[in-house]
Amino acid sequence: MPQSRTYRIILNEEPEGGFTVTVPSLPGCVTYGKNLKEAKEMAMEAIEGYIELLVEQGEPIPDDTNKLESAITVTS
Protein backbone atom coordinates (compact mmCIF):
# COMPACT_ATOMS: atom_id res chain seq x y z
CA MET A 1 0.00 0.00 0.00
CA PRO A 2 1.47 3.39 -0.98
CA GLN A 3 2.55 5.69 1.84
CA SER A 4 1.75 9.41 1.86
CA ARG A 5 4.74 11.70 2.29
CA THR A 6 4.94 15.47 2.57
CA TYR A 7 7.58 17.54 0.79
CA ARG A 8 8.31 21.25 0.97
CA ILE A 9 9.01 22.77 -2.43
CA ILE A 10 10.63 26.10 -3.17
CA LEU A 11 9.42 27.94 -6.27
CA ASN A 12 11.79 30.56 -7.66
CA GLU A 13 10.34 32.89 -10.27
CA GLU A 14 12.76 33.18 -13.18
CA PRO A 15 13.51 36.51 -14.92
CA GLU A 16 12.77 34.96 -18.34
CA GLY A 17 9.47 33.59 -17.04
CA GLY A 18 8.33 30.43 -15.34
CA PHE A 19 9.43 28.88 -12.08
CA THR A 20 12.32 26.66 -11.05
CA VAL A 21 11.32 24.24 -8.31
CA THR A 22 13.65 22.62 -5.78
CA VAL A 23 12.86 20.02 -3.13
CA PRO A 24 15.22 20.62 -0.17
CA SER A 25 14.72 17.15 1.36
CA LEU A 26 15.68 15.48 -1.93
CA PRO A 27 19.12 16.80 -2.97
CA GLY A 28 19.32 17.40 -6.71
CA CYS A 29 15.56 17.18 -7.22
CA VAL A 30 15.00 20.24 -9.41
CA THR A 31 12.44 20.93 -12.12
CA TYR A 32 10.80 23.80 -14.02
CA GLY A 33 7.33 24.90 -15.07
CA LYS A 34 6.07 27.71 -17.31
CA ASN A 35 3.57 28.77 -14.62
CA LEU A 36 2.77 27.87 -10.99
CA LYS A 37 0.34 25.09 -11.91
CA GLU A 38 2.78 23.43 -14.30
CA ALA A 39 5.67 23.91 -11.86
CA LYS A 40 3.76 22.10 -9.11
CA GLU A 41 2.77 19.29 -11.49
CA MET A 42 6.39 18.92 -12.60
CA ALA A 43 7.50 18.89 -8.96
CA MET A 44 5.11 16.01 -8.23
CA GLU A 45 6.52 14.02 -11.16
CA ALA A 46 10.11 14.78 -10.13
CA ILE A 47 9.46 13.72 -6.52
CA GLU A 48 7.76 10.49 -7.62
CA GLY A 49 10.69 9.65 -9.91
CA TYR A 50 13.22 10.45 -7.19
CA ILE A 51 11.40 8.18 -4.72
CA GLU A 52 11.27 5.35 -7.29
CA LEU A 53 15.04 5.61 -7.70
CA LEU A 54 15.59 5.54 -3.93
CA VAL A 55 13.41 2.43 -3.63
CA GLU A 56 15.29 0.69 -6.46
CA GLN A 57 18.59 1.47 -4.74
CA GLY A 58 17.32 0.37 -1.32
CA GLU A 59 17.92 3.83 0.13
CA PRO A 60 15.81 5.44 2.89
CA ILE A 61 13.12 7.87 1.73
CA PRO A 62 13.28 11.23 3.53
CA ASP A 63 10.31 13.57 3.79
CA ASP A 64 9.19 16.74 5.57
CA THR A 65 6.31 15.24 7.57
CA ASN A 66 7.68 16.18 10.99
CA LYS A 67 9.47 19.41 10.09
CA LEU A 68 8.36 22.86 11.09
CA GLU A 69 9.14 25.93 9.05
CA SER A 70 9.01 29.62 9.78
CA ALA A 71 10.16 32.83 8.13
CA ILE A 72 11.84 35.79 9.79
CA THR A 73 12.11 39.24 8.23
CA VAL A 74 15.17 41.25 9.18
CA THR A 75 15.52 44.94 8.39
CA SER A 76 19.06 46.23 8.03
PDB file of N, CA and C in Angstrom:
ATOM      1  N   MET A   1       0.842  -1.180   0.000  1.00  0.00           N
ATOM      2  CA  MET A   1       0.000   0.000   0.000  1.00  0.00           C
ATOM      3  C   MET A   1       0.891   1.249   0.000  1.00  0.00           C
ATOM      4  N   PRO A   2       0.654   2.184  -0.912  1.00  0.00           N
ATOM      5  CA  PRO A   2       1.473   3.387  -0.984  1.00  0.00           C
ATOM      6  C   PRO A   2       1.375   4.224   0.288  1.00  0.00           C
ATOM      7  N   GLN A   3       2.479   4.842   0.653  1.00  0.00           N
ATOM      8  CA  GLN A   3       2.546   5.688   1.841  1.00  0.00           C
ATOM      9  C   GLN A   3       2.533   7.152   1.422  1.00  0.00           C
ATOM     10  N   SER A   4       1.769   7.965   2.137  1.00  0.00           N
ATOM     11  CA  SER A   4       1.748   9.407   1.861  1.00  0.00           C
ATOM     12  C   SER A   4       2.950  10.063   2.518  1.00  0.00           C
ATOM     13  N   ARG A   5       3.600  10.945   1.783  1.00  0.00           N
ATOM     14  CA  ARG A   5       4.736  11.701   2.293  1.00  0.00           C
ATOM     15  C   ARG A   5       4.526  13.168   1.949  1.00  0.00           C
ATOM     16  N   THR A   6       5.067  14.031   2.776  1.00  0.00           N
ATOM     17  CA  THR A   6       4.944  15.467   2.569  1.00  0.00           C
ATOM     18  C   THR A   6       6.307  16.042   2.223  1.00  0.00           C
ATOM     19  N   TYR A   7       6.342  16.898   1.202  1.00  0.00           N
ATOM     20  CA  TYR A   7       7.577  17.543   0.790  1.00  0.00           C
ATOM     21  C   TYR A   7       7.368  19.037   0.631  1.00  0.00           C
ATOM     22  N   ARG A   8       8.303  19.800   1.157  1.00  0.00           N
ATOM     23  CA  ARG A   8       8.311  21.246   0.970  1.00  0.00           C
ATOM     24  C   ARG A   8       8.981  21.511  -0.372  1.00  0.00           C
ATOM     25  N   ILE A   9       8.386  22.374  -1.174  1.00  0.00           N
ATOM     26  CA  ILE A   9       9.008  22.769  -2.426  1.00  0.00           C
ATOM     27  C   ILE A   9       9.269  24.273  -2.385  1.00  0.00           C
ATOM     28  N   ILE A  10      10.315  24.683  -3.063  1.00  0.00           N
ATOM     29  CA  ILE A  10      10.631  26.102  -3.175  1.00  0.00           C
ATOM     30  C   ILE A  10      10.507  26.483  -4.640  1.00  0.00           C
ATOM     31  N   LEU A  11       9.667  27.470  -4.908  1.00  0.00           N
ATOM     32  CA  LEU A  11       9.425  27.936  -6.269  1.00  0.00           C
ATOM     33  C   LEU A  11      10.116  29.276  -6.454  1.00  0.00           C
ATOM     34  N   ASN A  12      11.065  29.337  -7.361  1.00  0.00           N
ATOM     35  CA  ASN A  12      11.790  30.565  -7.656  1.00  0.00           C
ATOM     36  C   ASN A  12      11.348  31.090  -9.011  1.00  0.00           C
ATOM     37  N   GLU A  13      10.772  32.291  -9.019  1.00  0.00           N
ATOM     38  CA  GLU A  13      10.343  32.895 -10.274  1.00  0.00           C
ATOM     39  C   GLU A  13      11.581  33.297 -11.072  1.00  0.00           C
ATOM     40  N   GLU A  14      11.605  32.904 -12.330  1.00  0.00           N
ATOM     41  CA  GLU A  14      12.757  33.175 -13.181  1.00  0.00           C
ATOM     42  C   GLU A  14      12.561  34.469 -13.966  1.00  0.00           C
ATOM     43  N   PRO A  15      13.631  35.246 -14.194  1.00  0.00           N
ATOM     44  CA  PRO A  15      13.507  36.510 -14.925  1.00  0.00           C
ATOM     45  C   PRO A  15      12.942  36.336 -16.330  1.00  0.00           C
ATOM     46  N   GLU A  16      13.256  35.213 -16.978  1.00  0.00           N
ATOM     47  CA  GLU A  16      12.773  34.965 -18.338  1.00  0.00           C
ATOM     48  C   GLU A  16      11.365  34.370 -18.353  1.00  0.00           C
ATOM     49  N   GLY A  17      10.814  34.147 -17.171  1.00  0.00           N
ATOM     50  CA  GLY A  17       9.472  33.587 -17.038  1.00  0.00           C
ATOM     51  C   GLY A  17       9.514  32.171 -16.493  1.00  0.00           C
ATOM     52  N   GLY A  18       8.428  31.763 -15.907  1.00  0.00           N
ATOM     53  CA  GLY A  18       8.332  30.428 -15.338  1.00  0.00           C
ATOM     54  C   GLY A  18       8.949  30.336 -13.958  1.00  0.00           C
ATOM     55  N   PHE A  19       8.964  29.118 -13.445  1.00  0.00           N
ATOM     56  CA  PHE A  19       9.435  28.875 -12.078  1.00  0.00           C
ATOM     57  C   PHE A  19      10.340  27.654 -12.035  1.00  0.00           C
ATOM     58  N   THR A  20      11.474  27.806 -11.367  1.00  0.00           N
ATOM     59  CA  THR A  20      12.325  26.663 -11.050  1.00  0.00           C
ATOM     60  C   THR A  20      11.891  26.164  -9.683  1.00  0.00           C
ATOM     61  N   VAL A  21      11.774  24.843  -9.560  1.00  0.00           N
ATOM     62  CA  VAL A  21      11.319  24.236  -8.315  1.00  0.00           C
ATOM     63  C   VAL A  21      12.420  23.342  -7.754  1.00  0.00           C
ATOM     64  N   THR A  22      12.716  23.509  -6.459  1.00  0.00           N
ATOM     65  CA  THR A  22      13.650  22.622  -5.777  1.00  0.00           C
ATOM     66  C   THR A  22      12.937  21.964  -4.600  1.00  0.00           C
ATOM     67  N   VAL A  23      13.425  20.784  -4.242  1.00  0.00           N
ATOM     68  CA  VAL A  23      12.863  20.023  -3.128  1.00  0.00           C
ATOM     69  C   VAL A  23      14.002  19.820  -2.130  1.00  0.00           C
ATOM     70  N   PRO A  24      14.080  20.654  -1.093  1.00  0.00           N
ATOM     71  CA  PRO A  24      15.222  20.618  -0.171  1.00  0.00           C
ATOM     72  C   PRO A  24      15.508  19.245   0.447  1.00  0.00           C
ATOM     73  N   SER A  25      14.498  18.462   0.731  1.00  0.00           N
ATOM     74  CA  SER A  25      14.722  17.150   1.361  1.00  0.00           C
ATOM     75  C   SER A  25      15.267  16.103   0.397  1.00  0.00           C
ATOM     76  N   LEU A  26      15.204  16.418  -0.915  1.00  0.00           N
ATOM     77  CA  LEU A  26      15.675  15.480  -1.930  1.00  0.00           C
ATOM     78  C   LEU A  26      16.769  16.173  -2.749  1.00  0.00           C
ATOM     79  N   PRO A  27      18.024  16.099  -2.304  1.00  0.00           N
ATOM     80  CA  PRO A  27      19.118  16.799  -2.970  1.00  0.00           C
ATOM     81  C   PRO A  27      19.175  16.495  -4.471  1.00  0.00           C
ATOM     82  N   GLY A  28      19.249  17.562  -5.260  1.00  0.00           N
ATOM     83  CA  GLY A  28      19.323  17.399  -6.706  1.00  0.00           C
ATOM     84  C   GLY A  28      17.977  17.279  -7.396  1.00  0.00           C
ATOM     85  N   CYS A  29      16.903  17.270  -6.630  1.00  0.00           N
ATOM     86  CA  CYS A  29      15.562  17.179  -7.216  1.00  0.00           C
ATOM     87  C   CYS A  29      15.125  18.586  -7.599  1.00  0.00           C
ATOM     88  N   VAL A  30      15.274  18.910  -8.880  1.00  0.00           N
ATOM     89  CA  VAL A  30      14.999  20.242  -9.410  1.00  0.00           C
ATOM     90  C   VAL A  30      14.195  20.082 -10.693  1.00  0.00           C
ATOM     91  N   THR A  31      13.226  20.960 -10.896  1.00  0.00           N
ATOM     92  CA  THR A  31      12.440  20.931 -12.121  1.00  0.00           C
ATOM     93  C   THR A  31      12.005  22.348 -12.461  1.00  0.00           C
ATOM     94  N   TYR A  32      11.207  22.486 -13.513  1.00  0.00           N
ATOM     95  CA  TYR A  32      10.802  23.803 -14.017  1.00  0.00           C
ATOM     96  C   TYR A  32       9.395  23.715 -14.581  1.00  0.00           C
ATOM     97  N   GLY A  33       8.650  24.803 -14.452  1.00  0.00           N
ATOM     98  CA  GLY A  33       7.332  24.901 -15.067  1.00  0.00           C
ATOM     99  C   GLY A  33       7.105  26.302 -15.599  1.00  0.00           C
ATOM    100  N   LYS A  34       6.337  26.414 -16.673  1.00  0.00           N
ATOM    101  CA  LYS A  34       6.068  27.711 -17.308  1.00  0.00           C
ATOM    102  C   LYS A  34       5.209  28.624 -16.436  1.00  0.00           C
ATOM    103  N   ASN A  35       4.418  28.012 -15.543  1.00  0.00           N
ATOM    104  CA  ASN A  35       3.567  28.767 -14.624  1.00  0.00           C
ATOM    105  C   ASN A  35       3.492  27.981 -13.315  1.00  0.00           C
ATOM    106  N   LEU A  36       2.821  28.544 -12.303  1.00  0.00           N
ATOM    107  CA  LEU A  36       2.769  27.874 -10.995  1.00  0.00           C
ATOM    108  C   LEU A  36       2.126  26.497 -11.073  1.00  0.00           C
ATOM    109  N   LYS A  37       1.034  26.383 -11.810  1.00  0.00           N
ATOM    110  CA  LYS A  37       0.339  25.092 -11.911  1.00  0.00           C
ATOM    111  C   LYS A  37       1.259  24.042 -12.519  1.00  0.00           C
ATOM    112  N   GLU A  38       1.887  24.381 -13.646  1.00  0.00           N
ATOM    113  CA  GLU A  38       2.782  23.426 -14.296  1.00  0.00           C
ATOM    114  C   GLU A  38       3.992  23.121 -13.415  1.00  0.00           C
ATOM    115  N   ALA A  39       4.518  24.130 -12.727  1.00  0.00           N
ATOM    116  CA  ALA A  39       5.675  23.914 -11.862  1.00  0.00           C
ATOM    117  C   ALA A  39       5.351  22.915 -10.749  1.00  0.00           C
ATOM    118  N   LYS A  40       4.166  23.034 -10.163  1.00  0.00           N
ATOM    119  CA  LYS A  40       3.762  22.096  -9.109  1.00  0.00           C
ATOM    120  C   LYS A  40       3.543  20.694  -9.666  1.00  0.00           C
ATOM    121  N   GLU A  41       2.964  20.597 -10.863  1.00  0.00           N
ATOM    122  CA  GLU A  41       2.774  19.286 -11.495  1.00  0.00           C
ATOM    123  C   GLU A  41       4.123  18.636 -11.791  1.00  0.00           C
ATOM    124  N   MET A  42       5.055  19.437 -12.302  1.00  0.00           N
ATOM    125  CA  MET A  42       6.390  18.922 -12.603  1.00  0.00           C
ATOM    126  C   MET A  42       7.116  18.505 -11.321  1.00  0.00           C
ATOM    127  N   ALA A  43       6.892  19.250 -10.238  1.00  0.00           N
ATOM    128  CA  ALA A  43       7.496  18.891  -8.956  1.00  0.00           C
ATOM    129  C   ALA A  43       6.985  17.536  -8.487  1.00  0.00           C
ATOM    130  N   MET A  44       5.689  17.308  -8.628  1.00  0.00           N
ATOM    131  CA  MET A  44       5.110  16.015  -8.229  1.00  0.00           C
ATOM    132  C   MET A  44       5.760  14.873  -9.022  1.00  0.00           C
ATOM    133  N   GLU A  45       5.886  15.058 -10.321  1.00  0.00           N
ATOM    134  CA  GLU A  45       6.519  14.023 -11.157  1.00  0.00           C
ATOM    135  C   GLU A  45       7.978  13.804 -10.757  1.00  0.00           C
ATOM    136  N   ALA A  46       8.701  14.893 -10.507  1.00  0.00           N
ATOM    137  CA  ALA A  46      10.111  14.779 -10.128  1.00  0.00           C
ATOM    138  C   ALA A  46      10.263  14.051  -8.792  1.00  0.00           C
ATOM    139  N   ILE A  47       9.409  14.373  -7.834  1.00  0.00           N
ATOM    140  CA  ILE A  47       9.457  13.719  -6.525  1.00  0.00           C
ATOM    141  C   ILE A  47       9.146  12.234  -6.663  1.00  0.00           C
ATOM    142  N   GLU A  48       8.113  11.899  -7.431  1.00  0.00           N
ATOM    143  CA  GLU A  48       7.759  10.486  -7.619  1.00  0.00           C
ATOM    144  C   GLU A  48       8.910   9.718  -8.259  1.00  0.00           C
ATOM    145  N   GLY A  49       9.558  10.316  -9.260  1.00  0.00           N
ATOM    146  CA  GLY A  49      10.692   9.655  -9.915  1.00  0.00           C
ATOM    147  C   GLY A  49      11.869   9.495  -8.969  1.00  0.00           C
ATOM    148  N   TYR A  50      12.126  10.494  -8.159  1.00  0.00           N
ATOM    149  CA  TYR A  50      13.217  10.452  -7.190  1.00  0.00           C
ATOM    150  C   TYR A  50      12.976   9.321  -6.189  1.00  0.00           C
ATOM    151  N   ILE A  51      11.742   9.231  -5.690  1.00  0.00           N
ATOM    152  CA  ILE A  51      11.399   8.177  -4.722  1.00  0.00           C
ATOM    153  C   ILE A  51      11.560   6.796  -5.358  1.00  0.00           C
ATOM    154  N   GLU A  52      11.116   6.636  -6.602  1.00  0.00           N
ATOM    155  CA  GLU A  52      11.268   5.345  -7.294  1.00  0.00           C
ATOM    156  C   GLU A  52      12.733   4.935  -7.338  1.00  0.00           C
ATOM    157  N   LEU A  53      13.609   5.895  -7.638  1.00  0.00           N
ATOM    158  CA  LEU A  53      15.035   5.606  -7.699  1.00  0.00           C
ATOM    159  C   LEU A  53      15.580   5.202  -6.330  1.00  0.00           C
ATOM    160  N   LEU A  54      15.153   5.909  -5.276  1.00  0.00           N
ATOM    161  CA  LEU A  54      15.590   5.541  -3.926  1.00  0.00           C
ATOM    162  C   LEU A  54      15.155   4.120  -3.569  1.00  0.00           C
ATOM    163  N   VAL A  55      13.916   3.775  -3.918  1.00  0.00           N
ATOM    164  CA  VAL A  55      13.405   2.432  -3.631  1.00  0.00           C
ATOM    165  C   VAL A  55      14.230   1.383  -4.380  1.00  0.00           C
ATOM    166  N   GLU A  56      14.496   1.630  -5.663  1.00  0.00           N
ATOM    167  CA  GLU A  56      15.288   0.688  -6.463  1.00  0.00           C
ATOM    168  C   GLU A  56      16.670   0.475  -5.872  1.00  0.00           C
ATOM    169  N   GLN A  57      17.239   1.544  -5.304  1.00  0.00           N
ATOM    170  CA  GLN A  57      18.587   1.466  -4.738  1.00  0.00           C
ATOM    171  C   GLN A  57      18.596   1.030  -3.275  1.00  0.00           C
ATOM    172  N   GLY A  58      17.407   0.797  -2.705  1.00  0.00           N
ATOM    173  CA  GLY A  58      17.320   0.367  -1.316  1.00  0.00           C
ATOM    174  C   GLY A  58      17.688   1.452  -0.319  1.00  0.00           C
ATOM    175  N   GLU A  59      17.571   2.698  -0.727  1.00  0.00           N
ATOM    176  CA  GLU A  59      17.916   3.835   0.126  1.00  0.00           C
ATOM    177  C   GLU A  59      16.707   4.282   0.953  1.00  0.00           C
ATOM    178  N   PRO A  60      16.925   4.910   2.100  1.00  0.00           N
ATOM    179  CA  PRO A  60      15.811   5.442   2.890  1.00  0.00           C
ATOM    180  C   PRO A  60      15.153   6.603   2.145  1.00  0.00           C
ATOM    181  N   ILE A  61      13.873   6.809   2.396  1.00  0.00           N
ATOM    182  CA  ILE A  61      13.117   7.866   1.731  1.00  0.00           C
ATOM    183  C   ILE A  61      12.823   8.975   2.736  1.00  0.00           C
ATOM    184  N   PRO A  62      13.533  10.112   2.614  1.00  0.00           N
ATOM    185  CA  PRO A  62      13.280  11.227   3.533  1.00  0.00           C
ATOM    186  C   PRO A  62      12.000  11.959   3.149  1.00  0.00           C
ATOM    187  N   ASP A  63      11.438  12.687   4.092  1.00  0.00           N
ATOM    188  CA  ASP A  63      10.314  13.573   3.788  1.00  0.00           C
ATOM    189  C   ASP A  63      10.264  14.690   4.822  1.00  0.00           C
ATOM    190  N   ASP A  64       9.308  15.582   4.683  1.00  0.00           N
ATOM    191  CA  ASP A  64       9.193  16.738   5.565  1.00  0.00           C
ATOM    192  C   ASP A  64       8.019  16.623   6.529  1.00  0.00           C
ATOM    193  N   THR A  65       7.504  15.427   6.751  1.00  0.00           N
ATOM    194  CA  THR A  65       6.313  15.239   7.566  1.00  0.00           C
ATOM    195  C   THR A  65       6.426  15.864   8.952  1.00  0.00           C
ATOM    196  N   ASN A  66       7.544  15.693   9.616  1.00  0.00           N
ATOM    197  CA  ASN A  66       7.677  16.177  10.994  1.00  0.00           C
ATOM    198  C   ASN A  66       8.534  17.428  11.120  1.00  0.00           C
ATOM    199  N   LYS A  67       8.676  18.188  10.040  1.00  0.00           N
ATOM    200  CA  LYS A  67       9.470  19.405  10.086  1.00  0.00           C
ATOM    201  C   LYS A  67       8.571  20.621  10.219  1.00  0.00           C
ATOM    202  N   LEU A  68       9.059  21.588  10.964  1.00  0.00           N
ATOM    203  CA  LEU A  68       8.362  22.865  11.092  1.00  0.00           C
ATOM    204  C   LEU A  68       9.158  23.901  10.339  1.00  0.00           C
ATOM    205  N   GLU A  69       8.453  24.889   9.798  1.00  0.00           N
ATOM    206  CA  GLU A  69       9.139  25.926   9.053  1.00  0.00           C
ATOM    207  C   GLU A  69       8.565  27.274   9.439  1.00  0.00           C
ATOM    208  N   SER A  70       9.437  28.269   9.459  1.00  0.00           N
ATOM    209  CA  SER A  70       9.015  29.619   9.784  1.00  0.00           C
ATOM    210  C   SER A  70       9.860  30.582   8.963  1.00  0.00           C
ATOM    211  N   ALA A  71       9.393  31.793   8.831  1.00  0.00           N
ATOM    212  CA  ALA A  71      10.161  32.829   8.134  1.00  0.00           C
ATOM    213  C   ALA A  71      10.362  34.001   9.076  1.00  0.00           C
ATOM    214  N   ILE A  72      11.510  34.622   8.975  1.00  0.00           N
ATOM    215  CA  ILE A  72      11.836  35.789   9.788  1.00  0.00           C
ATOM    216  C   ILE A  72      12.281  36.895   8.847  1.00  0.00           C
ATOM    217  N   THR A  73      11.718  38.077   9.027  1.00  0.00           N
ATOM    218  CA  THR A  73      12.115  39.237   8.233  1.00  0.00           C
ATOM    219  C   THR A  73      13.035  40.111   9.060  1.00  0.00           C
ATOM    220  N   VAL A  74      14.193  40.442   8.502  1.00  0.00           N
ATOM    221  CA  VAL A  74      15.175  41.253   9.176  1.00  0.00           C
ATOM    222  C   VAL A  74      15.372  42.532   8.373  1.00  0.00           C
ATOM    223  N   THR A  75      15.291  43.651   9.037  1.00  0.00           N
ATOM    224  CA  THR A  75      15.523  44.937   8.388  1.00  0.00           C
ATOM    225  C   THR A  75      16.923  45.416   8.751  1.00  0.00           C
ATOM    226  N   SER A  76      17.689  45.756   7.735  1.00  0.00           N
ATOM    227  CA  SER A  76      19.055  46.229   8.032  1.00  0.00           C
ATOM    228  C   SER A  76      19.347  47.524   7.306  1.00  0.00           C
TER     229      SER A  76
END
